[in-house]
Protein backbone atom coordinates (compact mmCIF):
# COMPACT_ATOMS: atom_id res chain seq x y z
CA MET A 1 -11.61 -46.34 55.12
CA ALA A 2 -9.34 -47.83 57.75
CA ALA A 3 -11.54 -49.20 60.10
CA PRO A 4 -13.34 -51.98 57.23
CA PHE A 5 -9.67 -52.34 56.32
CA GLU A 6 -8.76 -53.38 59.22
CA GLN A 7 -11.56 -55.63 59.96
CA ALA A 8 -10.58 -57.21 56.65
CA VAL A 9 -7.06 -58.29 57.51
CA GLY A 10 -8.44 -59.42 61.00
CA LEU A 11 -10.69 -61.63 58.97
CA LEU A 12 -8.25 -63.29 56.52
CA LEU A 13 -5.99 -64.02 59.21
CA ALA A 14 -8.51 -65.75 61.52
CA CYS A 15 -8.93 -67.86 58.00
CA GLY A 16 -5.37 -68.78 58.32
CA GLU A 17 -5.32 -70.04 61.62
CA ALA A 18 -8.52 -72.05 60.79
CA ARG A 19 -6.50 -73.41 57.89
CA GLY A 20 -9.61 -72.02 55.34
CA ARG A 21 -8.55 -70.38 52.00
CA VAL A 22 -9.23 -67.12 50.38
CA VAL A 23 -11.39 -67.78 47.56
CA VAL A 24 -11.56 -64.85 45.41
CA THR A 25 -13.62 -64.47 42.66
CA GLY A 26 -14.82 -61.54 39.86
CA MET A 27 -16.12 -61.31 36.33
CA GLY A 28 -14.98 -59.34 33.39
CA LYS A 29 -11.41 -57.00 34.21
CA SER A 30 -12.20 -57.42 37.93
CA GLY A 31 -11.91 -61.00 37.28
CA ILE A 32 -8.17 -60.67 36.05
CA ILE A 33 -7.62 -58.15 38.99
CA ALA A 34 -9.32 -61.21 41.19
CA GLN A 35 -6.60 -63.70 39.39
CA LYS A 36 -3.71 -61.40 40.37
CA VAL A 37 -4.81 -60.53 43.97
CA ALA A 38 -5.26 -64.89 44.42
CA ALA A 39 -1.73 -65.22 43.09
CA THR A 40 -0.51 -62.22 45.73
CA LEU A 41 -2.28 -63.71 48.59
CA SER A 42 -0.88 -67.50 47.89
CA SER A 43 2.72 -66.31 47.32
CA THR A 44 2.87 -64.07 50.83
CA GLY A 45 1.50 -67.41 52.98
CA SER A 46 -2.49 -67.04 52.59
CA PRO A 47 -3.58 -69.71 50.68
CA ALA A 48 -6.15 -68.38 48.25
CA LEU A 49 -7.79 -69.68 44.83
CA PHE A 50 -9.69 -67.78 41.62
CA LEU A 51 -13.40 -68.75 40.99
CA HIS A 52 -14.18 -68.22 37.97
CA PRO A 53 -18.34 -66.63 39.26
CA ALA A 54 -19.73 -68.21 35.44
CA GLU A 55 -18.30 -71.58 35.97
CA ALA A 56 -19.10 -71.68 39.72
CA VAL A 57 -22.67 -72.00 39.04
CA HIS A 58 -22.23 -74.75 37.00
CA GLY A 59 -20.57 -77.05 39.60
CA ASP A 60 -17.18 -75.05 40.48
CA ILE A 61 -19.11 -73.88 43.43
CA GLY A 62 -18.03 -77.26 44.79
CA MET A 63 -14.48 -75.78 45.55
CA LEU A 64 -15.73 -73.31 48.12
CA ALA A 65 -16.07 -74.72 51.84
CA PRO A 66 -16.84 -73.84 55.33
CA GLY A 67 -13.78 -71.88 57.23
CA ASP A 68 -13.01 -69.97 53.36
CA VAL A 69 -13.34 -66.62 53.20
CA VAL A 70 -14.96 -65.14 50.15
CA LEU A 71 -13.19 -61.90 48.56
CA ALA A 72 -15.26 -60.55 45.68
CA LEU A 73 -14.56 -57.92 43.59
CA SER A 74 -17.26 -55.87 41.14
CA ALA A 75 -16.85 -52.36 40.10
CA SER A 76 -20.86 -51.72 40.36
CA GLY A 77 -21.87 -54.34 42.93
CA GLU A 78 -24.49 -55.25 40.74
CA THR A 79 -22.68 -58.20 38.33
CA GLU A 80 -25.37 -60.64 37.80
CA GLU A 81 -22.88 -63.73 38.17
CA LEU A 82 -21.87 -62.65 41.58
CA LEU A 83 -24.99 -62.39 43.14
CA ARG A 84 -25.99 -65.38 41.78
CA LEU A 85 -23.62 -66.70 44.34
CA LEU A 86 -24.49 -64.74 47.17
CA ALA A 87 -26.49 -67.41 48.43
CA THR A 88 -24.11 -70.21 48.81
CA ILE A 89 -21.25 -67.66 49.77
CA LYS A 90 -23.17 -66.88 52.65
CA ARG A 91 -24.27 -70.27 53.74
CA VAL A 92 -20.82 -71.94 53.06
CA GLY A 93 -18.47 -69.55 53.65
CA ASP A 94 -17.22 -68.10 57.13
CA ALA A 95 -16.82 -64.47 55.66
CA LEU A 96 -17.52 -62.12 52.37
CA ILE A 97 -15.40 -59.42 51.90
CA THR A 98 -15.91 -57.12 49.10
CA PHE A 99 -14.05 -54.58 46.65
CA CYS A 100 -16.83 -51.91 44.68
CA CYS A 101 -17.29 -48.62 43.34
CA ASP A 102 -20.51 -48.16 45.13
CA THR A 103 -20.44 -49.44 48.80
CA GLN A 104 -24.48 -48.79 48.72
CA SER A 105 -25.00 -51.69 45.91
CA THR A 106 -26.46 -55.13 46.37
CA LEU A 107 -23.27 -56.69 46.28
CA ALA A 108 -21.53 -54.70 48.69
CA ARG A 109 -24.74 -54.48 51.64
CA ALA A 110 -25.16 -58.32 51.71
CA SER A 111 -20.88 -58.57 52.45
CA ASP A 112 -19.48 -58.62 55.87
CA VAL A 113 -16.87 -56.12 54.73
CA ALA A 114 -16.94 -53.67 51.84
CA LEU A 115 -13.83 -51.76 50.95
CA ASP A 116 -14.57 -48.90 48.74
CA CYS A 117 -12.16 -49.17 45.61
CA GLY A 118 -14.43 -45.70 43.99
CA VAL A 119 -12.53 -43.36 41.82
CA GLY A 120 -15.64 -41.16 40.84
CA LYS A 121 -19.03 -40.78 41.98
CA GLN A 122 -20.35 -43.46 43.19
CA GLY A 123 -21.77 -45.70 40.66
CA VAL A 124 -20.96 -43.60 37.55
CA PRO A 125 -18.27 -44.66 35.33
CA GLU A 126 -16.97 -41.10 34.57
CA GLY A 127 -14.16 -41.34 37.18
CA GLU A 128 -12.86 -44.23 34.47
CA ALA A 129 -9.59 -43.14 31.80
CA CYS A 130 -12.14 -42.95 29.49
CA GLY A 131 -15.39 -42.37 30.89
CA LEU A 132 -16.12 -46.48 29.65
CA ALA A 133 -14.15 -48.89 30.44
CA PRO A 134 -13.12 -50.48 33.47
CA THR A 135 -9.31 -48.55 33.51
CA ALA A 136 -9.12 -46.75 37.15
CA SER A 137 -11.51 -49.15 39.32
CA THR A 138 -9.21 -51.65 38.16
CA THR A 139 -6.21 -49.83 39.09
CA ALA A 140 -7.31 -49.14 42.28
CA MET A 141 -8.81 -52.87 43.05
CA LEU A 142 -5.29 -54.08 42.20
CA ALA A 143 -3.61 -51.59 44.63
CA LEU A 144 -6.36 -52.97 47.15
CA GLY A 145 -5.65 -56.26 46.96
CA ASP A 146 -1.98 -55.73 46.93
CA ALA A 147 -2.25 -53.92 50.17
CA LEU A 148 -4.58 -56.35 51.73
CA ALA A 149 -1.97 -58.93 50.87
CA ILE A 150 0.58 -57.34 52.68
CA ALA A 151 -0.85 -56.26 55.53
CA VAL A 152 -1.83 -60.16 55.89
CA SER A 153 1.61 -61.26 55.67
CA LEU A 154 3.17 -58.51 58.00
CA ARG A 155 0.93 -59.30 60.76
CA LYS A 156 2.00 -63.26 60.11
CA GLY A 157 5.25 -62.70 60.65
CA PHE A 158 5.81 -63.52 56.80
CA ARG A 159 9.45 -63.67 56.27
CA ALA A 160 11.83 -63.54 53.23
CA GLU A 161 12.76 -67.49 54.04
CA ASP A 162 9.03 -68.26 53.63
CA PHE A 163 9.25 -65.99 50.59
CA ALA A 164 11.82 -68.50 49.22
CA ARG A 165 10.32 -71.31 50.05
CA LEU A 166 7.12 -70.61 48.13
CA HIS A 167 9.14 -69.11 45.28
CA PRO A 168 11.98 -71.80 44.36
CA GLY A 169 12.33 -71.80 40.72
CA GLY A 170 12.74 -67.99 39.99
CA ARG A 171 15.94 -66.07 40.49
CA LEU A 172 14.56 -64.67 43.56
CA GLY A 173 13.86 -67.90 45.95
CA LYS A 174 17.67 -68.73 45.00
CA GLN A 175 18.80 -65.68 45.83
CA LEU A 176 16.81 -66.01 49.18
CA ALA A 177 17.54 -69.82 49.54
CA PRO A 178 19.04 -70.57 52.61
CA VAL A 179 23.18 -71.17 52.63
CA ARG A 180 22.68 -74.93 53.60
CA GLU A 181 21.25 -75.51 50.23
CA LEU A 182 24.21 -74.49 48.46
CA MET A 183 27.98 -75.10 50.73
CA HIS A 184 29.95 -77.69 49.42
CA THR A 185 29.62 -80.87 52.37
CA GLY A 186 30.87 -83.73 53.82
CA GLY A 187 34.28 -84.95 51.95
CA ARG A 188 34.09 -82.27 49.63
CA VAL A 189 35.18 -79.66 52.39
CA PRO A 190 38.92 -79.44 52.53
CA ARG A 191 40.42 -79.83 56.62
CA VAL A 192 43.54 -80.32 58.05
CA GLY A 193 44.65 -80.27 61.38
CA LEU A 194 46.88 -77.63 63.57
CA GLY A 195 50.36 -79.87 63.17
CA THR A 196 49.40 -80.66 59.33
CA PRO A 197 52.55 -79.95 57.26
CA MET A 198 52.25 -77.28 54.92
CA GLY A 199 52.82 -80.14 52.26
CA GLU A 200 50.02 -82.05 53.02
CA VAL A 201 47.70 -78.70 53.38
CA ILE A 202 48.26 -77.54 49.74
CA ASP A 203 47.64 -80.86 48.88
CA GLU A 204 44.26 -81.25 50.39
CA MET A 205 43.28 -77.40 49.03
CA THR A 206 44.03 -78.47 45.75
CA ARG A 207 42.41 -81.55 46.02
CA LYS A 208 39.05 -79.94 46.88
CA GLY A 209 39.40 -77.06 44.57
CA LEU A 210 37.89 -74.92 47.38
CA GLY A 211 41.04 -72.46 47.28
CA MET A 212 41.54 -73.07 50.82
CA THR A 213 41.42 -75.64 53.54
CA VAL A 214 39.73 -75.49 57.34
CA VAL A 215 41.69 -76.07 60.32
CA LEU A 216 40.49 -78.11 63.36
CA ASP A 217 41.74 -78.27 66.56
CA GLU A 218 42.06 -81.64 68.55
CA SER A 219 38.38 -81.45 69.44
CA GLY A 220 37.22 -80.78 65.90
CA GLN A 221 36.27 -77.51 66.05
CA LEU A 222 37.29 -74.60 63.65
CA ALA A 223 40.19 -73.16 64.44
CA GLY A 224 41.29 -71.45 61.93
CA VAL A 225 41.89 -71.05 58.05
CA VAL A 226 44.57 -71.64 55.23
CA SER A 227 43.55 -69.59 51.81
CA ASP A 228 45.39 -69.25 48.51
CA GLY A 229 46.64 -65.96 49.70
CA ASP A 230 47.55 -67.03 52.70
CA LEU A 231 50.30 -69.73 50.52
CA ARG A 232 51.51 -66.78 48.66
CA ARG A 233 52.26 -64.42 51.68
CA LEU A 234 53.65 -67.33 52.85
CA LEU A 235 56.31 -68.14 49.99
CA MET A 236 57.27 -64.45 49.58
CA ALA A 237 58.17 -64.23 53.49
CA HIS A 238 59.52 -67.64 53.87
CA GLY A 239 60.22 -69.42 50.44
CA HIS A 240 61.62 -73.14 50.40
CA ASN A 241 61.44 -72.69 53.98
CA ALA A 242 58.24 -72.49 53.65
CA LEU A 243 57.54 -76.42 53.43
CA THR A 244 59.20 -76.64 57.20
CA LEU A 245 55.85 -75.31 58.91
CA CYS A 246 52.48 -76.49 59.75
CA ALA A 247 48.83 -75.35 58.75
CA SER A 248 48.89 -73.77 62.89
CA ASP A 249 51.65 -71.43 62.04
CA VAL A 250 50.00 -69.99 58.86
CA MET A 251 45.94 -70.03 59.37
CA HIS A 252 44.55 -67.08 59.75
CA ARG A 253 42.50 -67.96 63.32
CA GLU A 254 39.42 -65.36 62.86
CA PRO A 255 37.84 -66.72 59.76
CA HIS A 256 34.88 -65.79 58.12
CA THR A 257 31.75 -67.55 59.06
CA ILE A 258 28.26 -67.80 58.42
CA ALA A 259 24.81 -69.77 59.53
CA GLY A 260 23.54 -72.54 57.64
CA GLU A 261 20.18 -70.89 57.95
CA GLU A 262 21.75 -67.71 56.83
CA LEU A 263 20.32 -66.29 53.48
CA ALA A 264 22.35 -66.81 49.32
CA VAL A 265 22.14 -62.82 49.48
CA ARG A 266 23.50 -62.18 52.72
CA ALA A 267 26.59 -64.47 52.29
CA HIS A 268 27.49 -62.68 48.79
CA ALA A 269 27.17 -59.55 51.01
CA GLU A 270 29.85 -61.36 53.68
CA LEU A 271 31.95 -62.20 50.83
CA GLU A 272 31.93 -58.86 48.69
CA ALA A 273 32.52 -56.74 52.24
CA HIS A 274 34.98 -59.39 52.79
CA ARG A 275 37.01 -59.46 49.34
CA ILE A 276 36.85 -63.59 50.20
CA THR A 277 35.62 -66.52 48.00
CA SER A 278 34.45 -68.94 50.76
CA LEU A 279 32.82 -68.81 53.87
CA VAL A 280 33.30 -71.74 56.32
CA VAL A 281 29.73 -72.52 57.39
CA GLN A 282 29.03 -73.33 61.45
CA SER A 283 26.22 -74.70 63.23
CA ARG A 284 25.16 -73.02 66.78
CA ASN A 285 27.51 -75.54 68.84
CA GLY A 286 30.66 -73.96 66.58
CA GLU A 287 30.83 -77.49 64.44
CA VAL A 288 31.70 -77.05 60.83
CA GLU A 289 28.86 -77.70 58.31
CA GLY A 290 30.33 -77.22 55.73
CA VAL A 291 32.01 -74.28 53.14
CA LEU A 292 30.38 -71.89 50.60
CA HIS A 293 32.21 -71.24 47.90
CA LEU A 294 31.58 -67.89 45.30
CA HIS A 295 31.16 -70.01 42.73
CA ALA A 296 28.08 -71.76 44.54
CA LEU A 297 26.23 -67.91 43.87
CA TRP A 298 26.65 -68.11 40.05
CA GLY A 299 23.57 -69.92 39.53
CA THR A 300 21.57 -67.45 41.36
CA GLY A 301 22.32 -64.15 39.73
CA LEU A 302 24.12 -62.58 42.42
CA VAL A 303 26.90 -63.23 40.74
């Protein structure tokens, strides 16, 4: 089935490039699988919708437009409701892909690409788990639909960032959210200069409450960071004389940074690897865009 599968992938890719949609249809148990396949396609970057074949003949066929590809699921390939749609599908849609257990059925022979989801002898129900109800055949349809959706998404170069954009409400979407959406910005970012006295450094860190402050040089570029840990070590080493020093005497000169377009899950891995609570978010030209604190990741389920 490699050749027809590759042909089906090509049709769906061409459909996406032409801004068409994948219209998935099926009746009964196959219809339930069709709804799931449509959802998987949509969530992996291939706009899709489910068309109920019984409702289609009463007006819903109007949702089918030129440029769309129809994906029809039918174990027998002789489902009456689907066969009644064939003329319209062939006239309006760009292509018809079918999942059938019998590749010699009416529906399969009328399709541009017929993918075999047979689980026994063609057209014989003994391949089902109980010999009657659609079980093994619907499982095969589901696996085939998932394989098709994933193959298309890989060919499109669909990325984790794209997946996150389509799943903003779930925990997975939050974990794949860009750092830029979670970081502290503007006046919420603690900032001091190289020559800032330690008393003022401590005051800035206390007011902003992130357990650290960025240290900027004369041009406004990141020079280092001072953390709560640095303050503790400073007090242990210098005692009361610590307040006579300035930020440049104390700062860590190689701070851990991250780009704003990186994902939350990546940021969490960085925080864990270095056992720190904050990352400085830098732009490509080295400017400080913000600070990502561990607390910002609590709502993602990563912490």
